[in-house]
Amino acid sequence: MSRLIPIKTINGTNMAAKLQPAKEGYTVQKSDLYSDSTTRSAETGVLIPYLIRRDVYTIELHYVGTAAEIHEIEQIIAPTGGVRQYQVEFLDDTSYVTKTMYPSDRQKPIEVIIDGVPKMSLSFSLVEI
């Protein structure tokens, strides 16, 4: 049986040999999008929904690695001058799903030292288009 990894590919790049998200660093969320016409009844307060789209994916990711590993992930998700939307194949429950996604703003806190080794962290989301 092959190893299940959270992110299998990003824009055709095989992520199996790359740095993987940290423990507790991978969350898949599905959201429903409603029109701005969605409102509540003034008489009863009951929601009057106008659903536009169901199950829109957002993947929250957090990586911890060396400066080189973090730089490699940044280059994959936000290449200089490149298109910022791409196909992402990722694990949802026990099967892989492929969606067109874009990266959110990236957070890269100050370097930390873990067991005497300098490490950096990187957090961002991949959001379905």
C-alpha atoms as a PDB file:
ATOM      1  CA  MET A   1       0.000   0.000   0.000  1.00  0.00           C
ATOM      2  CA  SER A   2       1.334   3.442  -0.890  1.00  0.00           C
ATOM      3  CA  ARG A   3       1.846   6.122   1.713  1.00  0.00           C
ATOM      4  CA  LEU A   4      -0.956   8.667   1.992  1.00  0.00           C
ATOM      5  CA  ILE A   5       0.438  12.189   1.902  1.00  0.00           C
ATOM      6  CA  PRO A   6      -1.693  15.305   2.416  1.00  0.00           C
ATOM      7  CA  ILE A   7      -0.772  17.157  -0.786  1.00  0.00           C
ATOM      8  CA  LYS A   8       0.016  14.793  -3.672  1.00  0.00           C
ATOM      9  CA  THR A   9       0.644  17.347  -6.433  1.00  0.00           C
ATOM     10  CA  ILE A  10       0.622  21.098  -6.955  1.00  0.00           C
ATOM     11  CA  ASN A  11       0.577  22.262 -10.574  1.00  0.00           C
ATOM     12  CA  GLY A  12       2.046  18.935 -11.671  1.00  0.00           C
ATOM     13  CA  THR A  13       4.864  18.987  -9.074  1.00  0.00           C
ATOM     14  CA  ASN A  14       4.987  15.679  -7.194  1.00  0.00           C
ATOM     15  CA  MET A  15       4.990  16.617  -3.504  1.00  0.00           C
ATOM     16  CA  ALA A  16       5.801  13.101  -2.173  1.00  0.00           C
ATOM     17  CA  ALA A  17       9.535  13.831  -1.822  1.00  0.00           C
ATOM     18  CA  LYS A  18       9.021  17.417  -0.633  1.00  0.00           C
ATOM     19  CA  LEU A  19       8.603  18.737   2.883  1.00  0.00           C
ATOM     20  CA  GLN A  20       5.222  17.637   4.252  1.00  0.00           C
ATOM     21  CA  PRO A  21       2.937  19.725   6.503  1.00  0.00           C
ATOM     22  CA  ALA A  22       3.773  19.636  10.208  1.00  0.00           C
ATOM     23  CA  LYS A  23       1.774  17.480  12.603  1.00  0.00           C
ATOM     24  CA  GLU A  24      -1.524  19.302  13.180  1.00  0.00           C
ATOM     25  CA  GLY A  25      -0.629  21.370  10.081  1.00  0.00           C
ATOM     26  CA  TYR A  26      -3.189  20.069   7.573  1.00  0.00           C
ATOM     27  CA  THR A  27      -6.889  20.890   7.726  1.00  0.00           C
ATOM     28  CA  VAL A  28      -9.449  20.499   4.936  1.00  0.00           C
ATOM     29  CA  GLN A  29     -12.571  22.648   5.143  1.00  0.00           C
ATOM     30  CA  LYS A  30     -15.627  22.621   2.857  1.00  0.00           C
ATOM     31  CA  SER A  31     -17.813  25.719   2.765  1.00  0.00           C
ATOM     32  CA  ASP A  32     -21.061  26.696   1.111  1.00  0.00           C
ATOM     33  CA  LEU A  33     -21.227  30.062  -0.660  1.00  0.00           C
ATOM     34  CA  TYR A  34     -24.387  32.095  -0.352  1.00  0.00           C
ATOM     35  CA  SER A  35     -25.513  35.138  -2.317  1.00  0.00           C
ATOM     36  CA  ASP A  36     -25.432  38.530  -0.650  1.00  0.00           C
ATOM     37  CA  SER A  37     -29.211  38.372  -1.138  1.00  0.00           C
ATOM     38  CA  THR A  38     -29.366  35.758   1.634  1.00  0.00           C
ATOM     39  CA  THR A  39     -31.264  37.317   4.498  1.00  0.00           C
ATOM     40  CA  ARG A  40     -33.471  36.590   7.472  1.00  0.00           C
ATOM     41  CA  SER A  41     -37.208  37.117   7.554  1.00  0.00           C
ATOM     42  CA  ALA A  42     -38.062  40.300   9.432  1.00  0.00           C
ATOM     43  CA  GLU A  43     -41.140  38.621  10.895  1.00  0.00           C
ATOM     44  CA  THR A  44     -39.746  35.246  12.019  1.00  0.00           C
ATOM     45  CA  GLY A  45     -35.973  35.602  11.869  1.00  0.00           C
ATOM     46  CA  VAL A  46     -35.823  32.442   9.745  1.00  0.00           C
ATOM     47  CA  LEU A  47     -32.972  32.334   7.217  1.00  0.00           C
ATOM     48  CA  ILE A  48     -33.917  32.769   3.554  1.00  0.00           C
ATOM     49  CA  PRO A  49     -30.857  31.251   1.868  1.00  0.00           C
ATOM     50  CA  TYR A  50     -29.738  31.754  -1.714  1.00  0.00           C
ATOM     51  CA  LEU A  51     -27.101  29.094  -2.209  1.00  0.00           C
ATOM     52  CA  ILE A  52     -24.617  29.769  -5.019  1.00  0.00           C
ATOM     53  CA  ARG A  53     -22.217  26.861  -4.602  1.00  0.00           C
ATOM     54  CA  ARG A  54     -21.649  23.942  -2.206  1.00  0.00           C
ATOM     55  CA  ASP A  55     -18.488  22.326  -0.851  1.00  0.00           C
ATOM     56  CA  VAL A  56     -15.844  24.895  -1.792  1.00  0.00           C
ATOM     57  CA  TYR A  57     -12.509  23.652  -0.438  1.00  0.00           C
ATOM     58  CA  THR A  58      -9.997  25.546   1.683  1.00  0.00           C
ATOM     59  CA  ILE A  59      -6.860  23.741   2.839  1.00  0.00           C
ATOM     60  CA  GLU A  60      -5.011  25.213   5.831  1.00  0.00           C
ATOM     61  CA  LEU A  61      -1.317  24.284   5.778  1.00  0.00           C
ATOM     62  CA  HIS A  62       1.551  24.756   8.217  1.00  0.00           C
ATOM     63  CA  TYR A  63       5.109  23.683   7.431  1.00  0.00           C
ATOM     64  CA  VAL A  64       8.226  23.586   9.626  1.00  0.00           C
ATOM     65  CA  GLY A  65      11.570  22.967   7.943  1.00  0.00           C
ATOM     66  CA  THR A  66      14.952  24.318   6.982  1.00  0.00           C
ATOM     67  CA  ALA A  67      15.213  27.630   5.138  1.00  0.00           C
ATOM     68  CA  ALA A  68      15.837  25.708   1.894  1.00  0.00           C
ATOM     69  CA  GLU A  69      12.781  23.451   2.383  1.00  0.00           C
ATOM     70  CA  ILE A  70      10.516  26.420   3.160  1.00  0.00           C
ATOM     71  CA  HIS A  71      11.887  28.330   0.153  1.00  0.00           C
ATOM     72  CA  GLU A  72      11.133  25.334  -2.090  1.00  0.00           C
ATOM     73  CA  ILE A  73       7.495  25.220  -0.903  1.00  0.00           C
ATOM     74  CA  GLU A  74       7.157  28.986  -1.454  1.00  0.00           C
ATOM     75  CA  GLN A  75       8.478  28.646  -5.010  1.00  0.00           C
ATOM     76  CA  ILE A  76       5.938  25.903  -5.759  1.00  0.00           C
ATOM     77  CA  ILE A  77       2.905  27.815  -4.442  1.00  0.00           C
ATOM     78  CA  ALA A  78       3.888  31.342  -5.514  1.00  0.00           C
ATOM     79  CA  PRO A  79       6.460  31.298  -8.311  1.00  0.00           C
ATOM     80  CA  THR A  80       7.935  34.670  -9.224  1.00  0.00           C
ATOM     81  CA  GLY A  81       5.946  36.092 -12.122  1.00  0.00           C
ATOM     82  CA  GLY A  82       3.968  32.877 -12.430  1.00  0.00           C
ATOM     83  CA  VAL A  83       0.257  32.204 -12.522  1.00  0.00           C
ATOM     84  CA  ARG A  84      -1.115  31.967  -8.986  1.00  0.00           C
ATOM     85  CA  GLN A  85      -3.807  29.363  -9.638  1.00  0.00           C
ATOM     86  CA  TYR A  86      -3.201  25.732 -10.377  1.00  0.00           C
ATOM     87  CA  GLN A  87      -4.395  22.158 -10.014  1.00  0.00           C
ATOM     88  CA  VAL A  88      -3.903  20.714  -6.519  1.00  0.00           C
ATOM     89  CA  GLU A  89      -4.384  17.026  -5.764  1.00  0.00           C
ATOM     90  CA  PHE A  90      -4.965  16.554  -2.041  1.00  0.00           C
ATOM     91  CA  LEU A  91      -6.236  14.073   0.505  1.00  0.00           C
ATOM     92  CA  ASP A  92      -9.831  14.484   1.677  1.00  0.00           C
ATOM     93  CA  ASP A  93     -10.848  11.724   4.082  1.00  0.00           C
ATOM     94  CA  THR A  94      -9.394   8.593   2.454  1.00  0.00           C
ATOM     95  CA  SER A  95      -9.269   9.586  -1.222  1.00  0.00           C
ATOM     96  CA  TYR A  96      -7.586  12.215  -3.345  1.00  0.00           C
ATOM     97  CA  VAL A  97      -9.436  15.149  -4.887  1.00  0.00           C
ATOM     98  CA  THR A  98      -8.163  17.515  -7.596  1.00  0.00           C
ATOM     99  CA  LYS A  99      -9.307  21.155  -7.589  1.00  0.00           C
ATOM    100  CA  THR A 100      -8.137  24.447  -9.092  1.00  0.00           C
ATOM    101  CA  MET A 101      -6.841  26.558  -6.202  1.00  0.00           C
ATOM    102  CA  TYR A 102      -4.894  29.706  -5.369  1.00  0.00           C
ATOM    103  CA  PRO A 103      -2.617  30.446  -2.378  1.00  0.00           C
ATOM    104  CA  SER A 104      -3.603  32.890   0.351  1.00  0.00           C
ATOM    105  CA  ASP A 105      -1.226  35.345   1.979  1.00  0.00           C
ATOM    106  CA  ARG A 106       1.743  33.555   3.469  1.00  0.00           C
ATOM    107  CA  GLN A 107       2.924  33.894   7.067  1.00  0.00           C
ATOM    108  CA  LYS A 108       6.545  33.163   7.852  1.00  0.00           C
ATOM    109  CA  PRO A 109       7.401  33.811  11.510  1.00  0.00           C
ATOM    110  CA  ILE A 110      10.912  34.260  12.840  1.00  0.00           C
ATOM    111  CA  GLU A 111      13.291  31.310  12.703  1.00  0.00           C
ATOM    112  CA  VAL A 112      13.315  28.959  15.688  1.00  0.00           C
ATOM    113  CA  ILE A 113      15.853  26.396  16.873  1.00  0.00           C
ATOM    114  CA  ILE A 114      14.643  22.808  17.356  1.00  0.00           C
ATOM    115  CA  ASP A 115      17.164  20.328  18.795  1.00  0.00           C
ATOM    116  CA  GLY A 116      19.990  22.686  17.867  1.00  0.00           C
ATOM    117  CA  VAL A 117      18.860  22.942  14.229  1.00  0.00           C
ATOM    118  CA  PRO A 118      17.557  26.268  12.852  1.00  0.00           C
ATOM    119  CA  LYS A 119      14.012  25.861  11.492  1.00  0.00           C
ATOM    120  CA  MET A 120      11.548  28.175   9.788  1.00  0.00           C
ATOM    121  CA  SER A 121       7.803  27.889   9.552  1.00  0.00           C
ATOM    122  CA  LEU A 122       5.368  28.776   6.792  1.00  0.00           C
ATOM    123  CA  SER A 123       1.574  28.926   6.995  1.00  0.00           C
ATOM    124  CA  PHE A 124      -0.908  29.567   4.199  1.00  0.00           C
ATOM    125  CA  SER A 125      -4.172  28.353   2.740  1.00  0.00           C
ATOM    126  CA  LEU A 126      -4.997  26.922  -0.647  1.00  0.00           C
ATOM    127  CA  VAL A 127      -8.463  28.118  -1.656  1.00  0.00           C
ATOM    128  CA  GLU A 128     -10.615  26.605  -4.394  1.00  0.00           C
ATOM    129  CA  ILE A 129     -11.469  28.918  -7.262  1.00  0.00           C
END
